[in-house]
C-alpha atoms as a PDB file:
ATOM      1  CA  MET A   1     108.609-137.936 -51.427  1.00  0.00           C
ATOM      2  CA  GLU A   2     109.182-141.589 -50.465  1.00  0.00           C
ATOM      3  CA  SER A   3     108.597-142.650 -46.872  1.00  0.00           C
ATOM      4  CA  ARG A   4     111.065-141.851 -44.144  1.00  0.00           C
ATOM      5  CA  PRO A   5     110.831-141.968 -40.320  1.00  0.00           C
ATOM      6  CA  GLN A   6     107.462-140.801 -39.006  1.00  0.00           C
ATOM      7  CA  LEU A   7     106.398-139.670 -35.535  1.00  0.00           C
ATOM      8  CA  THR A   8     105.062-142.453 -33.350  1.00  0.00           C
ATOM      9  CA  GLU A   9     103.242-141.961 -30.044  1.00  0.00           C
ATOM     10  CA  GLU A  10     106.437-143.035 -28.277  1.00  0.00           C
ATOM     11  CA  ASP A  11     108.475-140.473 -30.237  1.00  0.00           C
ATOM     12  CA  VAL A  12     106.071-137.669 -29.348  1.00  0.00           C
ATOM     13  CA  GLU A  13     106.300-138.555 -25.663  1.00  0.00           C
ATOM     14  CA  ARG A  14     110.087-138.901 -25.795  1.00  0.00           C
ATOM     15  CA  PHE A  15     110.685-135.577 -27.535  1.00  0.00           C
ATOM     16  CA  ALA A  16     108.267-133.770 -25.223  1.00  0.00           C
ATOM     17  CA  ASN A  17     109.992-135.241 -22.181  1.00  0.00           C
ATOM     18  CA  LEU A  18     113.373-134.018 -23.413  1.00  0.00           C
ATOM     19  CA  ALA A  19     112.039-130.463 -23.428  1.00  0.00           C
ATOM     20  CA  LEU A  20     110.125-130.830 -20.164  1.00  0.00           C
ATOM     21  CA  ALA A  21     113.307-132.005 -18.462  1.00  0.00           C
ATOM     22  CA  CYS A  22     114.963-128.709 -19.429  1.00  0.00           C
ATOM     23  CA  VAL A  23     112.433-125.873 -19.224  1.00  0.00           C
ATOM     24  CA  HIS A  24     112.897-125.436 -15.454  1.00  0.00           C
ATOM     25  CA  ARG A  25     116.430-126.811 -15.129  1.00  0.00           C
ATOM     26  CA  GLU A  26     118.607-123.796 -14.450  1.00  0.00           C
ATOM     27  CA  TYR A  27     122.009-125.467 -14.271  1.00  0.00           C
ATOM     28  CA  PRO A  28     124.341-126.146 -16.003  1.00  0.00           C
ATOM     29  CA  ASN A  29     123.862-122.839 -17.796  1.00  0.00           C
ATOM     30  CA  LYS A  30     125.982-121.020 -20.343  1.00  0.00           C
ATOM     31  CA  ILE A  31     124.883-117.387 -20.340  1.00  0.00           C
ATOM     32  CA  ALA A  32     125.962-114.816 -22.935  1.00  0.00           C
ATOM     33  CA  HIS A  33     125.761-111.964 -20.459  1.00  0.00           C
ATOM     34  CA  ILE A  34     127.595-108.615 -20.442  1.00  0.00           C
ATOM     35  CA  LEU A  35     128.426-107.403 -16.937  1.00  0.00           C
ATOM     36  CA  THR A  36     128.343-103.608 -16.567  1.00  0.00           C
ATOM     37  CA  SER A  37     128.488-103.633 -12.758  1.00  0.00           C
ATOM     38  CA  ASP A  38     128.378-105.952  -9.749  1.00  0.00           C
ATOM     39  CA  GLY A  39     124.607-105.639  -9.864  1.00  0.00           C
ATOM     40  CA  ASP A  40     124.549-107.615 -13.114  1.00  0.00           C
ATOM     41  CA  ALA A  41     126.015-110.711 -11.452  1.00  0.00           C
ATOM     42  CA  LEU A  42     122.699-112.538 -11.112  1.00  0.00           C
ATOM     43  CA  PRO A  43     121.505-116.119 -11.690  1.00  0.00           C
ATOM     44  CA  PRO A  44     119.825-116.976 -15.021  1.00  0.00           C
ATOM     45  CA  ARG A  45     116.313-117.093 -13.507  1.00  0.00           C
ATOM     46  CA  SER A  46     116.689-113.450 -12.461  1.00  0.00           C
ATOM     47  CA  LEU A  47     118.147-112.264 -15.752  1.00  0.00           C
ATOM     48  CA  THR A  48     115.775-114.010 -18.172  1.00  0.00           C
ATOM     49  CA  PRO A  49     112.874-115.442 -16.145  1.00  0.00           C
ATOM     50  CA  ALA A  50     111.028-116.992 -19.090  1.00  0.00           C
ATOM     51  CA  PHE A  51     113.960-118.617 -20.909  1.00  0.00           C
ATOM     52  CA  TYR A  52     116.374-119.551 -18.132  1.00  0.00           C
ATOM     53  CA  GLY A  53     115.664-123.284 -17.927  1.00  0.00           C
ATOM     54  CA  CYS A  54     118.117-124.938 -20.279  1.00  0.00           C
ATOM     55  CA  PHE A  55     121.819-124.903 -21.060  1.00  0.00           C
ATOM     56  CA  ASP A  56     121.472-121.595 -22.929  1.00  0.00           C
ATOM     57  CA  TRP A  57     118.815-119.043 -23.887  1.00  0.00           C
ATOM     58  CA  HIS A  58     118.275-120.138 -27.472  1.00  0.00           C
ATOM     59  CA  SER A  59     117.889-123.794 -26.500  1.00  0.00           C
ATOM     60  CA  SER A  60     115.312-122.785 -23.935  1.00  0.00           C
ATOM     61  CA  VAL A  61     113.447-120.823 -26.611  1.00  0.00           C
ATOM     62  CA  HIS A  62     113.272-123.680 -29.076  1.00  0.00           C
ATOM     63  CA  GLY A  63     112.484-126.098 -26.252  1.00  0.00           C
ATOM     64  CA  HIS A  64     109.368-124.003 -25.612  1.00  0.00           C
ATOM     65  CA  TRP A  65     108.683-124.053 -29.358  1.00  0.00           C
ATOM     66  CA  LEU A  66     108.914-127.874 -29.296  1.00  0.00           C
ATOM     67  CA  LEU A  67     106.250-128.052 -26.576  1.00  0.00           C
ATOM     68  CA  VAL A  68     103.940-125.671 -28.438  1.00  0.00           C
ATOM     69  CA  ARG A  69     104.425-127.540 -31.717  1.00  0.00           C
ATOM     70  CA  LEU A  70     103.650-130.941 -30.207  1.00  0.00           C
ATOM     71  CA  LEU A  71     100.721-129.588 -28.177  1.00  0.00           C
ATOM     72  CA  ARG A  72      99.274-128.086 -31.317  1.00  0.00           C
ATOM     73  CA  LEU A  73      99.617-131.309 -33.312  1.00  0.00           C
ATOM     74  CA  PHE A  74      98.881-133.784 -30.498  1.00  0.00           C
ATOM     75  CA  PRO A  75      96.622-131.968 -27.994  1.00  0.00           C
ATOM     76  CA  GLU A  76      95.412-135.181 -26.330  1.00  0.00           C
ATOM     77  CA  SER A  77      98.822-136.728 -25.711  1.00  0.00           C
ATOM     78  CA  SER A  78      99.814-137.886 -22.249  1.00  0.00           C
ATOM     79  CA  PHE A  79     102.318-135.053 -21.815  1.00  0.00           C
ATOM     80  CA  ALA A  80      99.826-132.305 -22.724  1.00  0.00           C
ATOM     81  CA  SER A  81      98.865-131.209 -19.204  1.00  0.00           C
ATOM     82  CA  ARG A  82     102.521-131.018 -18.109  1.00  0.00           C
ATOM     83  CA  ALA A  83     103.455-129.069 -21.211  1.00  0.00           C
ATOM     84  CA  ARG A  84     100.625-126.565 -20.730  1.00  0.00           C
ATOM     85  CA  ALA A  85     101.608-126.099 -17.090  1.00  0.00           C
ATOM     86  CA  ALA A  86     105.257-125.491 -18.008  1.00  0.00           C
ATOM     87  CA  LEU A  87     104.359-122.973 -20.717  1.00  0.00           C
ATOM     88  CA  HIS A  88     101.859-121.234 -18.450  1.00  0.00           C
ATOM     89  CA  LYS A  89     104.461-120.928 -15.690  1.00  0.00           C
ATOM     90  CA  ASN A  90     107.243-119.517 -17.868  1.00  0.00           C
ATOM     91  CA  LEU A  91     105.530-117.447 -20.542  1.00  0.00           C
ATOM     92  CA  THR A  92     103.771-114.968 -18.282  1.00  0.00           C
ATOM     93  CA  ALA A  93     103.278-111.327 -19.225  1.00  0.00           C
ATOM     94  CA  GLU A  94     105.532-110.248 -16.350  1.00  0.00           C
ATOM     95  CA  ASN A  95     108.360-112.608 -17.287  1.00  0.00           C
ATOM     96  CA  LEU A  96     108.280-111.612 -20.941  1.00  0.00           C
ATOM     97  CA  LEU A  97     108.269-107.902 -20.192  1.00  0.00           C
ATOM     98  CA  GLN A  98     111.422-108.513 -18.190  1.00  0.00           C
ATOM     99  CA  GLU A  99     112.888-110.508 -21.104  1.00  0.00           C
ATOM    100  CA  ALA A 100     112.217-107.579 -23.442  1.00  0.00           C
ATOM    101  CA  ALA A 101     113.824-105.169 -20.984  1.00  0.00           C
ATOM    102  CA  TYR A 102     116.846-107.464 -20.741  1.00  0.00           C
ATOM    103  CA  LEU A 103     117.227-107.435 -24.517  1.00  0.00           C
ATOM    104  CA  ARG A 104     117.263-103.621 -24.485  1.00  0.00           C
ATOM    105  CA  GLY A 105     119.961-103.512 -21.812  1.00  0.00           C
ATOM    106  CA  GLU A 106     123.327-101.844 -22.272  1.00  0.00           C
ATOM    107  CA  GLY A 107     125.830-103.893 -24.244  1.00  0.00           C
ATOM    108  CA  ARG A 108     123.277-106.411 -25.530  1.00  0.00           C
ATOM    109  CA  ALA A 109     122.840-105.270 -29.123  1.00  0.00           C
ATOM    110  CA  SER A 110     124.153-108.623 -30.409  1.00  0.00           C
ATOM    111  CA  PHE A 111     122.489-110.847 -27.785  1.00  0.00           C
ATOM    112  CA  GLU A 112     121.357-114.109 -29.449  1.00  0.00           C
ATOM    113  CA  ARG A 113     121.604-112.500 -32.872  1.00  0.00           C
ATOM    114  CA  PRO A 114     120.549-113.985 -35.191  1.00  0.00           C
ATOM    115  CA  TYR A 115     119.970-117.612 -34.118  1.00  0.00           C
ATOM    116  CA  GLY A 116     118.133-117.175 -30.829  1.00  0.00           C
ATOM    117  CA  LEU A 117     116.037-114.279 -32.121  1.00  0.00           C
ATOM    118  CA  ALA A 118     115.039-116.324 -35.181  1.00  0.00           C
ATOM    119  CA  TRP A 119     113.892-119.222 -33.001  1.00  0.00           C
ATOM    120  CA  LEU A 120     111.938-116.776 -30.852  1.00  0.00           C
ATOM    121  CA  LEU A 121     110.099-115.601 -33.966  1.00  0.00           C
ATOM    122  CA  GLN A 122     109.436-119.233 -34.891  1.00  0.00           C
ATOM    123  CA  LEU A 123     107.847-119.720 -31.455  1.00  0.00           C
ATOM    124  CA  CYS A 124     105.699-116.643 -32.033  1.00  0.00           C
ATOM    125  CA  ALA A 125     104.674-117.896 -35.491  1.00  0.00           C
ATOM    126  CA  GLU A 126     103.638-121.273 -34.087  1.00  0.00           C
ATOM    127  CA  LEU A 127     101.425-119.623 -31.486  1.00  0.00           C
ATOM    128  CA  ARG A 128      99.950-117.134 -33.979  1.00  0.00           C
ATOM    129  CA  GLU A 129      98.947-119.947 -36.339  1.00  0.00           C
ATOM    130  CA  TRP A 130      97.271-121.967 -33.585  1.00  0.00           C
ATOM    131  CA  ASP A 131      93.614-120.970 -33.259  1.00  0.00           C
ATOM    132  CA  ASN A 132      93.356-121.719 -29.551  1.00  0.00           C
ATOM    133  CA  ASP A 133      92.652-119.505 -26.527  1.00  0.00           C
ATOM    134  CA  PHE A 134      95.688-120.845 -24.660  1.00  0.00           C
ATOM    135  CA  ALA A 135      97.958-120.099 -27.628  1.00  0.00           C
ATOM    136  CA  LYS A 136      96.450-116.651 -28.132  1.00  0.00           C
ATOM    137  CA  ALA A 137      97.133-115.746 -24.501  1.00  0.00           C
ATOM    138  CA  LEU A 138     100.762-116.842 -24.760  1.00  0.00           C
ATOM    139  CA  ALA A 139     101.170-114.989 -28.051  1.00  0.00           C
ATOM    140  CA  THR A 140      99.865-111.831 -26.420  1.00  0.00           C
ATOM    141  CA  ASN A 141     102.334-112.216 -23.569  1.00  0.00           C
ATOM    142  CA  LEU A 142     105.166-112.680 -26.044  1.00  0.00           C
ATOM    143  CA  ARG A 143     104.339-109.571 -28.067  1.00  0.00           C
ATOM    144  CA  PRO A 144     106.795-107.157 -26.344  1.00  0.00           C
ATOM    145  CA  LEU A 145     109.700-109.572 -26.807  1.00  0.00           C
ATOM    146  CA  GLU A 146     108.561-110.395 -30.351  1.00  0.00           C
ATOM    147  CA  GLU A 147     108.509-106.730 -31.291  1.00  0.00           C
ATOM    148  CA  GLU A 148     111.941-106.206 -29.777  1.00  0.00           C
ATOM    149  CA  ALA A 149     113.339-109.144 -31.776  1.00  0.00           C
ATOM    150  CA  VAL A 150     111.893-107.841 -35.044  1.00  0.00           C
ATOM    151  CA  ALA A 151     113.233-104.367 -34.326  1.00  0.00           C
ATOM    152  CA  ARG A 152     116.664-105.747 -33.434  1.00  0.00           C
ATOM    153  CA  LEU A 153     116.937-107.778 -36.660  1.00  0.00           C
ATOM    154  CA  SER A 154     115.488-104.947 -38.752  1.00  0.00           C
ATOM    155  CA  GLU A 155     118.154-102.587 -37.443  1.00  0.00           C
ATOM    156  CA  TRP A 156     121.007-105.053 -37.911  1.00  0.00           C
ATOM    157  CA  LEU A 157     120.332-106.624 -41.313  1.00  0.00           C
ATOM    158  CA  PRO A 158     120.626-103.420 -43.412  1.00  0.00           C
ATOM    159  CA  LYS A 159     124.041-102.813 -41.853  1.00  0.00           C
ATOM    160  CA  LEU A 160     125.379-106.351 -42.297  1.00  0.00           C
ATOM    161  CA  PRO A 161     127.877-106.027 -45.180  1.00  0.00           C
ATOM    162  CA  PHE A 162     128.313-109.739 -45.895  1.00  0.00           C
ATOM    163  CA  PRO A 163     126.476-112.927 -44.911  1.00  0.00           C
ATOM    164  CA  VAL A 164     127.954-115.029 -42.114  1.00  0.00           C
ATOM    165  CA  ARG A 165     128.620-118.449 -43.631  1.00  0.00           C
ATOM    166  CA  SER A 166     129.413-120.442 -40.495  1.00  0.00           C
ATOM    167  CA  GLY A 167     127.900-123.765 -39.511  1.00  0.00           C
ATOM    168  CA  GLU A 168     126.903-122.578 -36.051  1.00  0.00           C
ATOM    169  CA  HIS A 169     124.729-119.945 -34.355  1.00  0.00           C
ATOM    170  CA  SER A 170     126.089-116.946 -36.244  1.00  0.00           C
ATOM    171  CA  GLN A 171     124.965-118.259 -39.645  1.00  0.00           C
ATOM    172  CA  THR A 172     122.831-115.782 -41.581  1.00  0.00           C
ATOM    173  CA  ALA A 173     121.003-118.097 -44.005  1.00  0.00           C
ATOM    174  CA  PHE A 174     119.263-120.293 -41.439  1.00  0.00           C
ATOM    175  CA  ALA A 175     118.065-117.325 -39.413  1.00  0.00           C
ATOM    176  CA  LEU A 176     116.754-115.606 -42.538  1.00  0.00           C
ATOM    177  CA  GLY A 177     114.693-118.690 -43.358  1.00  0.00           C
ATOM    178  CA  LEU A 178     113.068-118.878 -39.920  1.00  0.00           C
ATOM    179  CA  ALA A 179     112.492-115.136 -39.824  1.00  0.00           C
ATOM    180  CA  LEU A 180     110.940-115.116 -43.294  1.00  0.00           C
ATOM    181  CA  ASP A 181     108.545-117.929 -42.363  1.00  0.00           C
ATOM    182  CA  TYR A 182     107.536-115.864 -39.320  1.00  0.00           C
ATOM    183  CA  ALA A 183     107.081-112.646 -41.305  1.00  0.00           C
ATOM    184  CA  ARG A 184     104.843-114.366 -43.819  1.00  0.00           C
ATOM    185  CA  THR A 185     102.807-116.002 -41.064  1.00  0.00           C
ATOM    186  CA  VAL A 186     102.060-112.739 -39.296  1.00  0.00           C
ATOM    187  CA  LYS A 187     101.809-110.807 -42.593  1.00  0.00           C
ATOM    188  CA  ASN A 188     104.525-108.321 -41.688  1.00  0.00           C
ATOM    189  CA  GLU A 189     105.170-107.064 -45.218  1.00  0.00           C
ATOM    190  CA  LEU A 190     107.850-104.545 -44.290  1.00  0.00           C
ATOM    191  CA  PHE A 191     109.906-107.163 -42.461  1.00  0.00           C
ATOM    192  CA  SER A 192     109.312-109.676 -45.279  1.00  0.00           C
ATOM    193  CA  LYS A 193     110.619-107.233 -47.878  1.00  0.00           C
ATOM    194  CA  LEU A 194     113.755-106.610 -45.846  1.00  0.00           C
ATOM    195  CA  LEU A 195     114.434-110.337 -45.399  1.00  0.00           C
ATOM    196  CA  LEU A 196     113.811-111.102 -49.077  1.00  0.00           C
ATOM    197  CA  ALA A 197     116.036-108.249 -50.206  1.00  0.00           C
ATOM    198  CA  ARG A 198     118.891-109.273 -47.941  1.00  0.00           C
ATOM    199  CA  ALA A 199     118.702-112.953 -48.937  1.00  0.00           C
ATOM    200  CA  PHE A 200     118.675-111.980 -52.616  1.00  0.00           C
ATOM    201  CA  GLN A 201     121.607-109.602 -52.213  1.00  0.00           C
ATOM    202  CA  PHE A 202     123.633-112.066 -50.158  1.00  0.00           C
ATOM    203  CA  TYR A 203     123.096-115.218 -52.201  1.00  0.00           C
ATOM    204  CA  PHE A 204     121.580-114.790 -55.664  1.00  0.00           C
ATOM    205  CA  ASN A 205     124.910-114.483 -57.467  1.00  0.00           C
ATOM    206  CA  ASP A 206     126.562-117.407 -55.651  1.00  0.00           C
ATOM    207  CA  ARG A 207     127.814-120.252 -57.830  1.00  0.00           C
ATOM    208  CA  LYS A 208     129.586-123.590 -57.306  1.00  0.00           C
ATOM    209  CA  ALA A 209     129.169-123.905 -53.562  1.00  0.00           C
ATOM    210  CA  PRO A 210     132.180-125.632 -51.931  1.00  0.00           C
ATOM    211  CA  LEU A 211     130.091-128.465 -50.518  1.00  0.00           C
ATOM    212  CA  GLU A 212     133.169-130.689 -50.337  1.00  0.00           C
ATOM    213  CA  TYR A 213     134.516-128.420 -47.582  1.00  0.00           C
ATOM    214  CA  GLU A 214     131.635-129.382 -45.311  1.00  0.00           C
ATOM    215  CA  PRO A 215     131.246-130.178 -42.558  1.00  0.00           C
ATOM    216  CA  SER A 216     133.510-128.311 -40.203  1.00  0.00           C
ATOM    217  CA  GLY A 217     134.165-130.250 -37.025  1.00  0.00           C
ATOM    218  CA  GLU A 218     131.560-128.479 -34.878  1.00  0.00           C
ATOM    219  CA  ASP A 219     128.831-127.678 -37.413  1.00  0.00           C
ATOM    220  CA  PHE A 220     125.170-128.204 -36.645  1.00  0.00           C
ATOM    221  CA  LEU A 221     124.034-126.269 -39.729  1.00  0.00           C
ATOM    222  CA  SER A 222     125.183-126.655 -43.319  1.00  0.00           C
ATOM    223  CA  PRO A 223     126.274-123.308 -44.811  1.00  0.00           C
ATOM    224  CA  CYS A 224     125.617-124.476 -48.388  1.00  0.00           C
ATOM    225  CA  LEU A 225     122.308-126.288 -47.831  1.00  0.00           C
ATOM    226  CA  ALA A 226     120.968-123.540 -45.569  1.00  0.00           C
ATOM    227  CA  GLU A 227     121.647-121.025 -48.325  1.00  0.00           C
ATOM    228  CA  ALA A 228     119.736-123.157 -50.836  1.00  0.00           C
ATOM    229  CA  ASP A 229     116.927-123.683 -48.322  1.00  0.00           C
ATOM    230  CA  VAL A 230     116.427-119.951 -47.852  1.00  0.00           C
ATOM    231  CA  MET A 231     116.652-119.252 -51.576  1.00  0.00           C
ATOM    232  CA  ARG A 232     113.818-121.694 -52.313  1.00  0.00           C
ATOM    233  CA  ARG A 233     111.731-119.388 -50.113  1.00  0.00           C
ATOM    234  CA  VAL A 234     112.855-116.360 -52.140  1.00  0.00           C
ATOM    235  CA  LEU A 235     112.706-117.510 -55.765  1.00  0.00           C
ATOM    236  CA  GLY A 236     109.903-118.931 -57.883  1.00  0.00           C
ATOM    237  CA  ARG A 237     110.136-122.630 -58.774  1.00  0.00           C
ATOM    238  CA  GLN A 238     111.657-122.261 -62.251  1.00  0.00           C
ATOM    239  CA  GLU A 239     114.079-119.551 -61.192  1.00  0.00           C
ATOM    240  CA  PHE A 240     115.120-121.601 -58.165  1.00  0.00           C
ATOM    241  CA  GLU A 241     115.807-124.698 -60.275  1.00  0.00           C
ATOM    242  CA  VAL A 242     118.136-122.672 -62.513  1.00  0.00           C
ATOM    243  CA  TRP A 243     119.825-121.070 -59.498  1.00  0.00           C
ATOM    244  CA  LEU A 244     120.261-124.417 -57.702  1.00  0.00           C
ATOM    245  CA  LYS A 245     121.892-126.054 -60.724  1.00  0.00           C
ATOM    246  CA  GLY A 246     124.499-123.304 -60.760  1.00  0.00           C
ATOM    247  CA  PHE A 247     124.927-123.246 -56.987  1.00  0.00           C
ATOM    248  CA  LEU A 248     125.066-127.001 -56.287  1.00  0.00           C
ATOM    249  CA  PRO A 249     126.226-128.686 -59.485  1.00  0.00           C
ATOM    250  CA  GLN A 250     127.340-131.605 -57.286  1.00  0.00           C
ATOM    251  CA  ILE A 251     123.770-132.929 -57.056  1.00  0.00           C
ATOM    252  CA  PRO A 252     123.642-135.926 -59.436  1.00  0.00           C
ATOM    253  CA  PRO A 253     120.745-136.586 -61.846  1.00  0.00           C
ATOM    254  CA  ASN A 254     119.827-139.853 -60.094  1.00  0.00           C
ATOM    255  CA  ALA A 255     118.993-141.218 -56.653  1.00  0.00           C
ATOM    256  CA  SER A 256     122.592-141.535 -55.540  1.00  0.00           C
ATOM    257  CA  SER A 257     123.035-141.314 -51.780  1.00  0.00           C
ATOM    258  CA  THR A 258     126.814-140.964 -51.966  1.00  0.00           C
ATOM    259  CA  TRP A 259     127.048-137.327 -53.031  1.00  0.00           C
ATOM    260  CA  LEU A 260     126.383-136.153 -49.458  1.00  0.00           C
ATOM    261  CA  LEU A 261     127.004-138.474 -46.523  1.00  0.00           C
ATOM    262  CA  PRO A 262     125.846-138.054 -42.902  1.00  0.00           C
ATOM    263  CA  ALA A 263     128.390-136.999 -40.318  1.00  0.00           C
ATOM    264  CA  VAL A 264     129.332-139.103 -37.293  1.00  0.00           C
ATOM    265  CA  SER A 265     129.904-137.565 -33.871  1.00  0.00           C
ATOM    266  CA  PRO A 266     133.050-139.013 -32.283  1.00  0.00           C
ATOM    267  CA  ASP A 267     131.963-138.131 -28.726  1.00  0.00           C
ATOM    268  CA  ARG A 268     128.389-137.191 -27.820  1.00  0.00           C
ATOM    269  CA  ARG A 269     129.438-136.204 -24.297  1.00  0.00           C
ATOM    270  CA  ASP A 270     131.339-133.276 -25.834  1.00  0.00           C
ATOM    271  CA  GLY A 271     128.781-130.556 -26.521  1.00  0.00           C
ATOM    272  CA  LYS A 272     130.621-129.158 -29.531  1.00  0.00           C
ATOM    273  CA  LEU A 273     131.405-132.506 -31.156  1.00  0.00           C
ATOM    274  CA  GLY A 274     127.810-133.538 -30.541  1.00  0.00           C
ATOM    275  CA  HIS A 275     126.770-130.738 -32.889  1.00  0.00           C
ATOM    276  CA  LEU A 276     127.282-133.173 -35.754  1.00  0.00           C
ATOM    277  CA  ASP A 277     124.169-135.122 -34.729  1.00  0.00           C
ATOM    278  CA  GLY A 278     122.193-131.920 -35.146  1.00  0.00           C
ATOM    279  CA  LEU A 279     123.852-131.338 -38.503  1.00  0.00           C
ATOM    280  CA  ASN A 280     122.320-134.558 -39.825  1.00  0.00           C
ATOM    281  CA  LEU A 281     118.868-133.447 -38.679  1.00  0.00           C
ATOM    282  CA  SER A 282     119.115-129.933 -40.095  1.00  0.00           C
ATOM    283  CA  ARG A 283     120.599-131.214 -43.345  1.00  0.00           C
ATOM    284  CA  ALA A 284     117.635-133.590 -43.643  1.00  0.00           C
ATOM    285  CA  TRP A 285     115.013-130.840 -43.307  1.00  0.00           C
ATOM    286  CA  MET A 286     116.964-128.482 -45.574  1.00  0.00           C
ATOM    287  CA  LEU A 287     117.204-131.184 -48.229  1.00  0.00           C
ATOM    288  CA  GLU A 288     113.465-131.794 -47.916  1.00  0.00           C
ATOM    289  CA  GLY A 289     112.862-128.090 -48.333  1.00  0.00           C
ATOM    290  CA  ILE A 290     115.044-127.966 -51.419  1.00  0.00           C
ATOM    291  CA  ALA A 291     113.293-131.015 -52.895  1.00  0.00           C
ATOM    292  CA  SER A 292     109.879-129.472 -52.261  1.00  0.00           C
ATOM    293  CA  ALA A 293     110.802-126.556 -54.519  1.00  0.00           C
ATOM    294  CA  LEU A 294     111.821-128.759 -57.460  1.00  0.00           C
ATOM    295  CA  GLU A 295     109.456-130.108 -60.083  1.00  0.00           C
ATOM    296  CA  PRO A 296     108.563-133.799 -59.521  1.00  0.00           C
ATOM    297  CA  TYR A 297     110.124-134.701 -62.865  1.00  0.00           C
ATOM    298  CA  ASN A 298     113.415-132.927 -62.115  1.00  0.00           C
ATOM    299  CA  PRO A 299     115.963-135.802 -62.132  1.00  0.00           C
ATOM    300  CA  ARG A 300     118.071-134.152 -59.418  1.00  0.00           C
ATOM    301  CA  ARG A 301     115.138-134.210 -57.011  1.00  0.00           C
ATOM    302  CA  HIS A 302     115.583-137.945 -56.439  1.00  0.00           C
ATOM    303  CA  ALA A 303     119.169-137.494 -55.272  1.00  0.00           C
ATOM    304  CA  VAL A 304     118.126-134.733 -52.885  1.00  0.00           C
ATOM    305  CA  GLU A 305     115.337-136.877 -51.439  1.00  0.00           C
ATOM    306  CA  ALA A 306     117.622-139.900 -51.046  1.00  0.00           C
ATOM    307  CA  ALA A 307     120.155-137.818 -49.111  1.00  0.00           C
ATOM    308  CA  ALA A 308     117.355-136.378 -46.953  1.00  0.00           C
ATOM    309  CA  ARG A 309     116.126-139.857 -45.995  1.00  0.00           C
ATOM    310  CA  GLU A 310     119.612-141.049 -45.104  1.00  0.00           C
ATOM    311  CA  HIS A 311     120.375-137.992 -42.980  1.00  0.00           C
ATOM    312  CA  ALA A 312     116.999-138.214 -41.243  1.00  0.00           C
ATOM    313  CA  SER A 313     117.520-141.860 -40.340  1.00  0.00           C
ATOM    314  CA  VAL A 314     121.001-141.282 -38.905  1.00  0.00           C
ATOM    315  CA  GLY A 315     120.043-138.038 -37.179  1.00  0.00           C
ATOM    316  CA  LEU A 316     116.910-139.334 -35.483  1.00  0.00           C
ATOM    317  CA  ALA A 317     118.713-142.422 -34.187  1.00  0.00           C
ATOM    318  CA  ALA A 318     121.053-140.096 -32.259  1.00  0.00           C
ATOM    319  CA  VAL A 319     118.258-138.343 -30.340  1.00  0.00           C
ATOM    320  CA  THR A 320     118.436-140.529 -27.256  1.00  0.00           C
ATOM    321  CA  GLY A 321     118.688-138.047 -24.400  1.00  0.00           C
ATOM    322  CA  GLU A 322     121.521-140.145 -22.974  1.00  0.00           C
ATOM    323  CA  HIS A 323     123.738-137.090 -22.575  1.00  0.00           C
ATOM    324  CA  TYR A 324     122.484-133.649 -21.558  1.00  0.00           C
ATOM    325  CA  GLU A 325     124.935-132.088 -24.021  1.00  0.00           C
ATOM    326  CA  GLY A 326     122.646-133.244 -26.850  1.00  0.00           C
ATOM    327  CA  GLY A 327     119.455-133.925 -24.953  1.00  0.00           C
ATOM    328  CA  HIS A 328     118.817-130.259 -24.216  1.00  0.00           C
ATOM    329  CA  TRP A 329     118.440-129.332 -27.908  1.00  0.00           C
ATOM    330  CA  LEU A 330     118.338-132.242 -30.350  1.00  0.00           C
ATOM    331  CA  GLY A 331     114.668-132.924 -29.629  1.00  0.00           C
ATOM    332  CA  SER A 332     113.750-129.546 -31.111  1.00  0.00           C
ATOM    333  CA  PHE A 333     115.650-130.322 -34.298  1.00  0.00           C
ATOM    334  CA  ALA A 334     114.010-133.741 -34.506  1.00  0.00           C
ATOM    335  CA  VAL A 335     110.517-132.271 -34.113  1.00  0.00           C
ATOM    336  CA  TYR A 336     111.201-129.554 -36.682  1.00  0.00           C
ATOM    337  CA  LEU A 337     112.247-132.281 -39.111  1.00  0.00           C
ATOM    338  CA  VAL A 338     109.609-134.934 -38.509  1.00  0.00           C
ATOM    339  CA  THR A 339     106.663-132.517 -38.341  1.00  0.00           C
ATOM    340  CA  ARG A 340     107.923-130.896 -41.562  1.00  0.00           C
ATOM    341  CA  ARG A 341     107.698-127.441 -40.016  1.00  0.00           C
ATOM    342  CA  GLY A 342     109.830-125.761 -42.638  1.00  0.00           C
ATOM    343  CA  LEU A 343     107.762-126.870 -45.624  1.00  0.00           C
ATOM    344  CA  ARG A 344     105.273-124.431 -47.085  1.00  0.00           C
ATOM    345  CA  SER A 345     102.428-126.944 -47.300  1.00  0.00           C
ATOM    346  CA  GLN A 346     102.494-127.865 -43.635  1.00  0.00           C
ATOM    347  CA  PRO A 347     100.378-126.311 -40.820  1.00  0.00           C
END
């Protein structure tokens, strides 16, 4: 693939600082919390003591993932000691046992399902892949919550009658992709088989995706591209190329960048409208994933790569941290993109 924005030392520091500014910041906080009595009216730090420090639970989870990812890739960076201290403080065995107990609480069967649970598994996968005593200790602490997340998804997916094709947290395709990467990392064959079967059943027969209907006004994930990105994890190269041609016939056989244009957020101070900045980032990594599964000589690959570069450039320029509405989560999306986390060939 041709060059596109790369991580500089300044970028690494900036993205790490975005996460470090959030991991212990309790407010503002949007909690998805079922009250069953007055005793449940507690502050976030008491309810979920590991993942309380951000605007919401899932953003806290992938903020912790960001720190682990950058520590793993850049262990000597200037932020490393602060990141280790933050992870050590939050991801204790005691805190994570309480997180697991919270997940099992009455009325919480759908808590952070599937988006937050998928990011939790991505955090676990990152730690499991990192051959480091610090990472191994954190992975051990996370095991009760990890097992609860796998059990929760394993119970839910067989019952889900149709995929959720939204562009936000409820989307099925994106979560399946993260969960499948996790299952393959930890060699959980039973979970892998379930995820593969569900993705195949949900998406294999899809044709002529309505890409022209995207994006919705508050999307941060592309329903069509996320589906293609998970299917390239499911199908062999030749089978995927045939499937993709039927699913996204809009992709031209040249390097045109006009078949899919980046979105523009009209107001980054509005948390929902700011989602569109994240859409550009997630589209970029999904397009890269799709391109990686196509043969180099496939003429449609050039169009996919051109769109990926354009979305990456626009998306990364929006990760400024100027407004907390985007600053609390866009750094994670930027790091996932620029470190190529979703590609099979990457560490």
